[in-house]
Amino acid sequence: MNAAEIERIKDLLPTAMGSEEIRRNVAADILRRSVFSARMESARYLALVRETCAEFAAGTINRAQAMERLMDELARMGHSPTDGGGLSNPASIKRLDLIVKTQRGMAASVARLNTQTEGVLHQFPAWELTRVSGRSMPRSDWPARWAAAGSSCGFEGALQDRFIALKNSPIWQALGDGEGGYRDTLLNPYPPFAYGSGMGWVAVARDQCVALGLIDADEEVGRPDGASLSPTERELADAAERFGLTEESLMEGLE
């Protein structure tokens, strides 16, 4: 599946919770399979976000058009960029930009994970985390993040002195989990690993992995985690319990 198709199969997750509550109370698997926005209870709006981000990922609309479409719907709902409140304002330009870019980045990464065949993994067994998009104020703590994530998993399949790890290394999930106390991560084992991040993956060739000591010459690497984007009934029940809602009310929001 391509990024647009992946975006379209995501479920809707309306919620009155803020970002930190969502992070603390909702299973990461459900979050990565859903379209949600902090303190956004409108399933109609989230459906528009899903379709808009899918079209943006497909290249049929540009970022400005995506932002305009969402702002028009938010205006209909009574929200305005001039309401103040910073990122807590649903109509904040920065918030909308963050949503659109993050959804596209996540969908693109999942699409890429779905292309990791045995042949691809043999030729390119590892990823390198590197800057793929410029930022006016880039984070300077990536070495510390990498060290914390690596320490949490014993640097299994990962280098300590470079941002290179096998595609199935647990360091990627640890990085997404924010090991070391980082609270701006998305809980995913793939880029973007933090909101607004310009860091992404480039594939590392087999001969370089052997030279770096990540694998032996005849060693094969297992497929990285590319979890399904459709939550199971068990996950929905768990989420409903965390929300303090009935499973039926949660299902209504996902239809």
C-alpha atoms as a PDB file:
ATOM      1  CA  MET A   1       0.000   0.000   0.000  1.00  0.00           C
ATOM      2  CA  ASN A   2       1.108   3.538  -0.652  1.00  0.00           C
ATOM      3  CA  ALA A   3       0.982   6.378   1.880  1.00  0.00           C
ATOM      4  CA  ALA A   4      -2.428   7.634   0.730  1.00  0.00           C
ATOM      5  CA  GLU A   5      -3.986   4.155   1.004  1.00  0.00           C
ATOM      6  CA  ILE A   6      -2.501   3.700   4.452  1.00  0.00           C
ATOM      7  CA  GLU A   7      -3.909   7.033   5.582  1.00  0.00           C
ATOM      8  CA  ARG A   8      -7.391   6.127   4.344  1.00  0.00           C
ATOM      9  CA  ILE A   9      -7.611   2.847   6.267  1.00  0.00           C
ATOM     10  CA  LYS A  10      -6.922   4.515   9.606  1.00  0.00           C
ATOM     11  CA  ASP A  11      -9.758   4.598  12.099  1.00  0.00           C
ATOM     12  CA  LEU A  12     -11.124   7.766  13.690  1.00  0.00           C
ATOM     13  CA  LEU A  13     -10.495   8.329  17.379  1.00  0.00           C
ATOM     14  CA  PRO A  14     -12.461  11.309  18.734  1.00  0.00           C
ATOM     15  CA  THR A  15     -11.338  12.274  22.222  1.00  0.00           C
ATOM     16  CA  ALA A  16     -11.702  15.008  24.821  1.00  0.00           C
ATOM     17  CA  MET A  17      -8.260  14.205  26.237  1.00  0.00           C
ATOM     18  CA  GLY A  18      -5.177  16.375  25.891  1.00  0.00           C
ATOM     19  CA  SER A  19      -1.892  15.232  24.378  1.00  0.00           C
ATOM     20  CA  GLU A  20      -0.325  14.009  27.611  1.00  0.00           C
ATOM     21  CA  GLU A  21      -3.487  12.154  28.643  1.00  0.00           C
ATOM     22  CA  ILE A  22      -3.635  10.465  25.235  1.00  0.00           C
ATOM     23  CA  ARG A  23       0.004   9.433  25.510  1.00  0.00           C
ATOM     24  CA  ARG A  24      -0.483   8.073  29.010  1.00  0.00           C
ATOM     25  CA  ASN A  25      -3.825   6.304  28.612  1.00  0.00           C
ATOM     26  CA  VAL A  26      -4.190   4.994  25.058  1.00  0.00           C
ATOM     27  CA  ALA A  27      -2.235   2.048  23.681  1.00  0.00           C
ATOM     28  CA  ALA A  28       0.407   3.036  21.134  1.00  0.00           C
ATOM     29  CA  ASP A  29      -0.893   0.428  18.656  1.00  0.00           C
ATOM     30  CA  ILE A  30      -4.285   2.118  18.624  1.00  0.00           C
ATOM     31  CA  LEU A  31      -2.780   5.581  18.245  1.00  0.00           C
ATOM     32  CA  ARG A  32      -0.689   4.617  15.234  1.00  0.00           C
ATOM     33  CA  ARG A  33      -3.746   3.071  13.580  1.00  0.00           C
ATOM     34  CA  SER A  34      -5.968   6.083  14.190  1.00  0.00           C
ATOM     35  CA  VAL A  35      -6.544   9.661  13.160  1.00  0.00           C
ATOM     36  CA  PHE A  36      -6.915  11.760  16.286  1.00  0.00           C
ATOM     37  CA  SER A  37      -6.236  15.235  17.583  1.00  0.00           C
ATOM     38  CA  ALA A  38      -5.984  16.370  21.183  1.00  0.00           C
ATOM     39  CA  ARG A  39      -9.341  17.519  22.552  1.00  0.00           C
ATOM     40  CA  MET A  40     -11.105  16.925  19.242  1.00  0.00           C
ATOM     41  CA  GLU A  41     -14.393  15.048  19.624  1.00  0.00           C
ATOM     42  CA  SER A  42     -15.789  15.618  16.123  1.00  0.00           C
ATOM     43  CA  ALA A  43     -15.647  12.433  14.052  1.00  0.00           C
ATOM     44  CA  ARG A  44     -16.694  14.492  11.012  1.00  0.00           C
ATOM     45  CA  TYR A  45     -13.647  16.727  11.352  1.00  0.00           C
ATOM     46  CA  LEU A  46     -11.302  13.772  11.884  1.00  0.00           C
ATOM     47  CA  ALA A  47     -12.722  12.114   8.775  1.00  0.00           C
ATOM     48  CA  LEU A  48     -11.883  15.284   6.857  1.00  0.00           C
ATOM     49  CA  VAL A  49      -8.369  15.244   8.328  1.00  0.00           C
ATOM     50  CA  ARG A  50      -7.966  11.643   7.185  1.00  0.00           C
ATOM     51  CA  GLU A  51      -9.075  12.313   3.612  1.00  0.00           C
ATOM     52  CA  THR A  52      -7.168  15.596   3.370  1.00  0.00           C
ATOM     53  CA  CYS A  53      -3.947  13.990   4.573  1.00  0.00           C
ATOM     54  CA  ALA A  54      -4.464  11.095   2.161  1.00  0.00           C
ATOM     55  CA  GLU A  55      -4.788  13.496  -0.752  1.00  0.00           C
ATOM     56  CA  PHE A  56      -1.757  15.446   0.458  1.00  0.00           C
ATOM     57  CA  ALA A  57       0.243  12.206   0.655  1.00  0.00           C
ATOM     58  CA  ALA A  58      -0.898  11.298  -2.862  1.00  0.00           C
ATOM     59  CA  GLY A  59       0.153  14.709  -4.168  1.00  0.00           C
ATOM     60  CA  THR A  60      -3.299  15.653  -5.457  1.00  0.00           C
ATOM     61  CA  ILE A  61      -3.373  18.707  -3.173  1.00  0.00           C
ATOM     62  CA  ASN A  62      -0.538  20.756  -1.707  1.00  0.00           C
ATOM     63  CA  ARG A  63       0.055  21.749   1.892  1.00  0.00           C
ATOM     64  CA  ALA A  64      -1.623  25.134   1.509  1.00  0.00           C
ATOM     65  CA  GLN A  65      -4.745  23.533   0.056  1.00  0.00           C
ATOM     66  CA  ALA A  66      -4.808  20.946   2.841  1.00  0.00           C
ATOM     67  CA  MET A  67      -4.543  23.665   5.493  1.00  0.00           C
ATOM     68  CA  GLU A  68      -7.259  25.758   3.846  1.00  0.00           C
ATOM     69  CA  ARG A  69      -9.677  22.829   3.726  1.00  0.00           C
ATOM     70  CA  LEU A  70      -9.216  22.074   7.418  1.00  0.00           C
ATOM     71  CA  MET A  71      -9.473  25.731   8.395  1.00  0.00           C
ATOM     72  CA  ASP A  72     -12.754  26.075   6.498  1.00  0.00           C
ATOM     73  CA  GLU A  73     -14.244  23.151   8.406  1.00  0.00           C
ATOM     74  CA  LEU A  74     -12.957  24.470  11.732  1.00  0.00           C
ATOM     75  CA  ALA A  75     -14.473  27.887  10.951  1.00  0.00           C
ATOM     76  CA  ARG A  76     -17.793  26.156  10.362  1.00  0.00           C
ATOM     77  CA  MET A  77     -17.383  24.595  13.803  1.00  0.00           C
ATOM     78  CA  GLY A  78     -16.748  28.004  15.358  1.00  0.00           C
ATOM     79  CA  HIS A  79     -12.936  27.914  15.643  1.00  0.00           C
ATOM     80  CA  SER A  80     -10.588  30.645  14.405  1.00  0.00           C
ATOM     81  CA  PRO A  81      -6.787  31.053  14.231  1.00  0.00           C
ATOM     82  CA  THR A  82      -7.286  34.320  16.117  1.00  0.00           C
ATOM     83  CA  ASP A  83      -8.820  32.593  19.141  1.00  0.00           C
ATOM     84  CA  GLY A  84      -5.430  32.319  20.810  1.00  0.00           C
ATOM     85  CA  GLY A  85      -4.342  29.399  22.932  1.00  0.00           C
ATOM     86  CA  GLY A  86      -1.347  28.381  20.851  1.00  0.00           C
ATOM     87  CA  LEU A  87      -1.241  24.728  19.855  1.00  0.00           C
ATOM     88  CA  SER A  88      -4.266  24.015  22.054  1.00  0.00           C
ATOM     89  CA  ASN A  89      -6.402  25.987  19.581  1.00  0.00           C
ATOM     90  CA  PRO A  90      -7.713  23.511  16.942  1.00  0.00           C
ATOM     91  CA  ALA A  91      -7.486  26.241  14.283  1.00  0.00           C
ATOM     92  CA  SER A  92      -3.920  27.273  15.120  1.00  0.00           C
ATOM     93  CA  ILE A  93      -1.861  27.473  11.928  1.00  0.00           C
ATOM     94  CA  LYS A  94       1.056  25.737  13.647  1.00  0.00           C
ATOM     95  CA  ARG A  95      -1.203  22.961  14.940  1.00  0.00           C
ATOM     96  CA  LEU A  96      -2.763  22.329  11.536  1.00  0.00           C
ATOM     97  CA  ASP A  97       0.640  22.326   9.874  1.00  0.00           C
ATOM     98  CA  LEU A  98       1.909  19.878  12.474  1.00  0.00           C
ATOM     99  CA  ILE A  99      -1.070  17.554  11.971  1.00  0.00           C
ATOM    100  CA  VAL A 100      -0.782  17.509   8.186  1.00  0.00           C
ATOM    101  CA  LYS A 101       2.981  16.967   8.147  1.00  0.00           C
ATOM    102  CA  THR A 102       2.922  14.360  10.906  1.00  0.00           C
ATOM    103  CA  GLN A 103       0.153  12.310   9.307  1.00  0.00           C
ATOM    104  CA  ARG A 104       1.923  12.350   5.957  1.00  0.00           C
ATOM    105  CA  GLY A 105       5.256  11.397   7.529  1.00  0.00           C
ATOM    106  CA  MET A 106       3.771   8.513   9.487  1.00  0.00           C
ATOM    107  CA  ALA A 107       1.869   7.155   6.482  1.00  0.00           C
ATOM    108  CA  ALA A 108       4.989   7.378   4.313  1.00  0.00           C
ATOM    109  CA  SER A 109       7.020   5.447   6.887  1.00  0.00           C
ATOM    110  CA  VAL A 110       4.423   2.686   7.210  1.00  0.00           C
ATOM    111  CA  ALA A 111       4.251   2.426   3.419  1.00  0.00           C
ATOM    112  CA  ARG A 112       8.027   2.078   3.345  1.00  0.00           C
ATOM    113  CA  LEU A 113       7.969  -0.622   6.021  1.00  0.00           C
ATOM    114  CA  ASN A 114       5.483  -2.560   3.920  1.00  0.00           C
ATOM    115  CA  THR A 115       8.050  -2.749   1.074  1.00  0.00           C
ATOM    116  CA  GLN A 116      10.666  -4.521   3.205  1.00  0.00           C
ATOM    117  CA  THR A 117      10.836  -7.846   1.390  1.00  0.00           C
ATOM    118  CA  GLU A 118      13.523 -10.457   2.030  1.00  0.00           C
ATOM    119  CA  GLY A 119      15.406  -9.157  -1.001  1.00  0.00           C
ATOM    120  CA  VAL A 120      15.333  -5.565   0.183  1.00  0.00           C
ATOM    121  CA  LEU A 121      16.396  -6.582   3.701  1.00  0.00           C
ATOM    122  CA  HIS A 122      19.282  -8.615   2.300  1.00  0.00           C
ATOM    123  CA  GLN A 123      20.597  -5.688   0.272  1.00  0.00           C
ATOM    124  CA  PHE A 124      19.839  -2.981   2.839  1.00  0.00           C
ATOM    125  CA  PRO A 125      19.667  -4.482   6.356  1.00  0.00           C
ATOM    126  CA  ALA A 126      19.836  -1.221   8.321  1.00  0.00           C
ATOM    127  CA  TRP A 127      18.549   2.317   8.589  1.00  0.00           C
ATOM    128  CA  GLU A 128      20.503   5.438   9.371  1.00  0.00           C
ATOM    129  CA  LEU A 129      18.680   8.225  11.179  1.00  0.00           C
ATOM    130  CA  THR A 130      19.662  11.469   9.520  1.00  0.00           C
ATOM    131  CA  ARG A 131      18.297  14.903   8.746  1.00  0.00           C
ATOM    132  CA  VAL A 132      16.093  14.728   5.670  1.00  0.00           C
ATOM    133  CA  SER A 133      14.317  18.069   6.106  1.00  0.00           C
ATOM    134  CA  GLY A 134      15.729  21.363   7.338  1.00  0.00           C
ATOM    135  CA  ARG A 135      14.417  23.147  10.416  1.00  0.00           C
ATOM    136  CA  SER A 136      14.975  26.746  11.541  1.00  0.00           C
ATOM    137  CA  MET A 137      15.594  25.471  15.086  1.00  0.00           C
ATOM    138  CA  PRO A 138      16.643  21.809  14.814  1.00  0.00           C
ATOM    139  CA  ARG A 139      16.779  19.714  17.969  1.00  0.00           C
ATOM    140  CA  SER A 140      20.321  19.368  19.305  1.00  0.00           C
ATOM    141  CA  ASP A 141      19.583  16.430  21.606  1.00  0.00           C
ATOM    142  CA  TRP A 142      19.482  13.561  19.109  1.00  0.00           C
ATOM    143  CA  PRO A 143      22.781  12.106  20.409  1.00  0.00           C
ATOM    144  CA  ALA A 144      21.284  12.029  23.921  1.00  0.00           C
ATOM    145  CA  ARG A 145      18.041  10.514  22.616  1.00  0.00           C
ATOM    146  CA  TRP A 146      19.968   7.840  20.741  1.00  0.00           C
ATOM    147  CA  ALA A 147      22.098   7.051  23.790  1.00  0.00           C
ATOM    148  CA  ALA A 148      19.036   6.727  26.041  1.00  0.00           C
ATOM    149  CA  ALA A 149      17.149   4.563  23.537  1.00  0.00           C
ATOM    150  CA  GLY A 150      20.190   2.374  22.969  1.00  0.00           C
ATOM    151  CA  SER A 151      20.898   1.956  26.661  1.00  0.00           C
ATOM    152  CA  SER A 152      17.315   0.792  27.237  1.00  0.00           C
ATOM    153  CA  CYS A 153      17.789  -2.138  24.834  1.00  0.00           C
ATOM    154  CA  GLY A 154      21.499  -2.788  25.247  1.00  0.00           C
ATOM    155  CA  PHE A 155      22.174  -1.326  21.776  1.00  0.00           C
ATOM    156  CA  GLU A 156      20.875  -4.571  20.287  1.00  0.00           C
ATOM    157  CA  GLY A 157      21.559  -4.379  16.540  1.00  0.00           C
ATOM    158  CA  ALA A 158      22.605  -0.742  16.854  1.00  0.00           C
ATOM    159  CA  LEU A 159      25.788   1.302  16.892  1.00  0.00           C
ATOM    160  CA  GLN A 160      26.596   3.520  19.843  1.00  0.00           C
ATOM    161  CA  ASP A 161      28.616   6.147  17.980  1.00  0.00           C
ATOM    162  CA  ARG A 162      26.425   6.539  14.885  1.00  0.00           C
ATOM    163  CA  PHE A 163      22.673   6.707  14.315  1.00  0.00           C
ATOM    164  CA  ILE A 164      22.711   3.374  12.471  1.00  0.00           C
ATOM    165  CA  ALA A 165      20.798   0.253  13.488  1.00  0.00           C
ATOM    166  CA  LEU A 166      19.420  -2.877  11.887  1.00  0.00           C
ATOM    167  CA  LYS A 167      15.895  -2.468  10.594  1.00  0.00           C
ATOM    168  CA  ASN A 168      14.549  -4.855  13.231  1.00  0.00           C
ATOM    169  CA  SER A 169      16.526  -3.372  16.127  1.00  0.00           C
ATOM    170  CA  PRO A 170      14.479  -2.532  19.244  1.00  0.00           C
ATOM    171  CA  ILE A 171      16.220   0.843  19.375  1.00  0.00           C
ATOM    172  CA  TRP A 172      13.664   2.239  16.914  1.00  0.00           C
ATOM    173  CA  GLN A 173      10.739   1.524  19.224  1.00  0.00           C
ATOM    174  CA  ALA A 174      12.731   2.819  22.189  1.00  0.00           C
ATOM    175  CA  LEU A 175      13.436   6.022  20.300  1.00  0.00           C
ATOM    176  CA  GLY A 176       9.736   6.399  19.476  1.00  0.00           C
ATOM    177  CA  ASP A 177       8.798   5.684  23.082  1.00  0.00           C
ATOM    178  CA  GLY A 178      10.954   8.586  24.231  1.00  0.00           C
ATOM    179  CA  GLU A 179      13.283   6.547  26.444  1.00  0.00           C
ATOM    180  CA  GLY A 180      15.203   8.949  28.612  1.00  0.00           C
ATOM    181  CA  GLY A 181      12.124  10.963  29.507  1.00  0.00           C
ATOM    182  CA  TYR A 182      11.339  12.642  26.177  1.00  0.00           C
ATOM    183  CA  ARG A 183       7.631  13.540  25.957  1.00  0.00           C
ATOM    184  CA  ASP A 184       7.455  14.881  22.390  1.00  0.00           C
ATOM    185  CA  THR A 185       7.660  11.495  20.696  1.00  0.00           C
ATOM    186  CA  LEU A 186       4.898   9.662  18.805  1.00  0.00           C
ATOM    187  CA  LEU A 187       5.370   6.164  20.303  1.00  0.00           C
ATOM    188  CA  ASN A 188       6.065   4.671  16.854  1.00  0.00           C
ATOM    189  CA  PRO A 189       9.100   2.583  15.754  1.00  0.00           C
ATOM    190  CA  TYR A 190       9.447   4.726  12.621  1.00  0.00           C
ATOM    191  CA  PRO A 191       9.853   8.405  11.632  1.00  0.00           C
ATOM    192  CA  PRO A 192       8.876  10.974  12.580  1.00  0.00           C
ATOM    193  CA  PHE A 193      10.147  10.047  16.015  1.00  0.00           C
ATOM    194  CA  ALA A 194       9.123  13.410  17.488  1.00  0.00           C
ATOM    195  CA  TYR A 195       6.570  16.066  16.610  1.00  0.00           C
ATOM    196  CA  GLY A 196       7.904  18.502  14.041  1.00  0.00           C
ATOM    197  CA  SER A 197      11.081  16.480  13.495  1.00  0.00           C
ATOM    198  CA  GLY A 198      13.043  16.723  10.267  1.00  0.00           C
ATOM    199  CA  MET A 199      14.934  13.494  10.974  1.00  0.00           C
ATOM    200  CA  GLY A 200      14.229  10.443   8.856  1.00  0.00           C
ATOM    201  CA  TRP A 201      15.618   7.174   7.553  1.00  0.00           C
ATOM    202  CA  VAL A 202      18.048   6.393   4.755  1.00  0.00           C
ATOM    203  CA  ALA A 203      18.825   2.766   3.922  1.00  0.00           C
ATOM    204  CA  VAL A 204      22.284   1.391   4.710  1.00  0.00           C
ATOM    205  CA  ALA A 205      23.787  -1.119   2.260  1.00  0.00           C
ATOM    206  CA  ARG A 206      24.806  -4.624   3.300  1.00  0.00           C
ATOM    207  CA  ASP A 207      28.532  -4.197   2.723  1.00  0.00           C
ATOM    208  CA  GLN A 208      28.575  -1.139   4.983  1.00  0.00           C
ATOM    209  CA  CYS A 209      26.664  -3.013   7.694  1.00  0.00           C
ATOM    210  CA  VAL A 210      29.238  -5.826   7.556  1.00  0.00           C
ATOM    211  CA  ALA A 211      32.103  -3.345   7.675  1.00  0.00           C
ATOM    212  CA  LEU A 212      30.544  -1.626  10.701  1.00  0.00           C
ATOM    213  CA  GLY A 213      30.172  -4.954  12.500  1.00  0.00           C
ATOM    214  CA  LEU A 214      26.375  -4.871  12.642  1.00  0.00           C
ATOM    215  CA  ILE A 215      26.020  -8.231  10.868  1.00  0.00           C
ATOM    216  CA  ASP A 216      28.151 -11.082   9.625  1.00  0.00           C
ATOM    217  CA  ALA A 217      28.634 -11.532   5.902  1.00  0.00           C
ATOM    218  CA  ASP A 218      26.109 -14.405   5.708  1.00  0.00           C
ATOM    219  CA  GLU A 219      23.631 -13.064   8.278  1.00  0.00           C
ATOM    220  CA  GLU A 220      20.062 -12.168   7.365  1.00  0.00           C
ATOM    221  CA  VAL A 221      17.888  -9.595   9.127  1.00  0.00           C
ATOM    222  CA  GLY A 222      14.298 -10.216  10.138  1.00  0.00           C
ATOM    223  CA  ARG A 223      11.455  -8.053   8.898  1.00  0.00           C
ATOM    224  CA  PRO A 224      10.871  -4.868  10.902  1.00  0.00           C
ATOM    225  CA  ASP A 225       7.603  -4.303  12.702  1.00  0.00           C
ATOM    226  CA  GLY A 226       4.976  -2.953  10.313  1.00  0.00           C
ATOM    227  CA  ALA A 227       1.893  -3.467  12.446  1.00  0.00           C
ATOM    228  CA  SER A 228      -1.532  -3.591  10.870  1.00  0.00           C
ATOM    229  CA  LEU A 229      -3.420  -0.324  10.978  1.00  0.00           C
ATOM    230  CA  SER A 230      -6.758  -1.839  11.958  1.00  0.00           C
ATOM    231  CA  PRO A 231      -7.308  -2.253  15.717  1.00  0.00           C
ATOM    232  CA  THR A 232      -8.629  -5.531  17.025  1.00  0.00           C
ATOM    233  CA  GLU A 233     -11.700  -5.882  19.225  1.00  0.00           C
ATOM    234  CA  ARG A 234      -9.440  -6.565  22.197  1.00  0.00           C
ATOM    235  CA  GLU A 235      -7.534  -3.329  21.641  1.00  0.00           C
ATOM    236  CA  LEU A 236     -10.773  -1.397  21.304  1.00  0.00           C
ATOM    237  CA  ALA A 237     -12.021  -2.844  24.570  1.00  0.00           C
ATOM    238  CA  ASP A 238      -8.758  -1.943  26.288  1.00  0.00           C
ATOM    239  CA  ALA A 239      -8.940   1.589  24.934  1.00  0.00           C
ATOM    240  CA  ALA A 240     -12.550   1.934  26.021  1.00  0.00           C
ATOM    241  CA  GLU A 241     -11.561   0.943  29.532  1.00  0.00           C
ATOM    242  CA  ARG A 242      -8.734   3.482  29.570  1.00  0.00           C
ATOM    243  CA  PHE A 243     -11.076   6.185  28.294  1.00  0.00           C
ATOM    244  CA  GLY A 244     -13.663   5.325  30.910  1.00  0.00           C
ATOM    245  CA  LEU A 245     -16.175   4.813  28.103  1.00  0.00           C
ATOM    246  CA  THR A 246     -18.246   1.888  26.958  1.00  0.00           C
ATOM    247  CA  GLU A 247     -16.888  -0.144  24.065  1.00  0.00           C
ATOM    248  CA  GLU A 248     -20.058   0.716  22.121  1.00  0.00           C
ATOM    249  CA  SER A 249     -19.462   4.468  22.421  1.00  0.00           C
ATOM    250  CA  LEU A 250     -15.876   4.067  21.252  1.00  0.00           C
ATOM    251  CA  MET A 251     -17.001   1.998  18.269  1.00  0.00           C
ATOM    252  CA  GLU A 252     -19.475   4.721  17.301  1.00  0.00           C
ATOM    253  CA  GLY A 253     -16.572   7.153  17.066  1.00  0.00           C
ATOM    254  CA  LEU A 254     -14.636   4.786  14.823  1.00  0.00           C
ATOM    255  CA  GLU A 255     -17.367   4.205  12.248  1.00  0.00           C
END
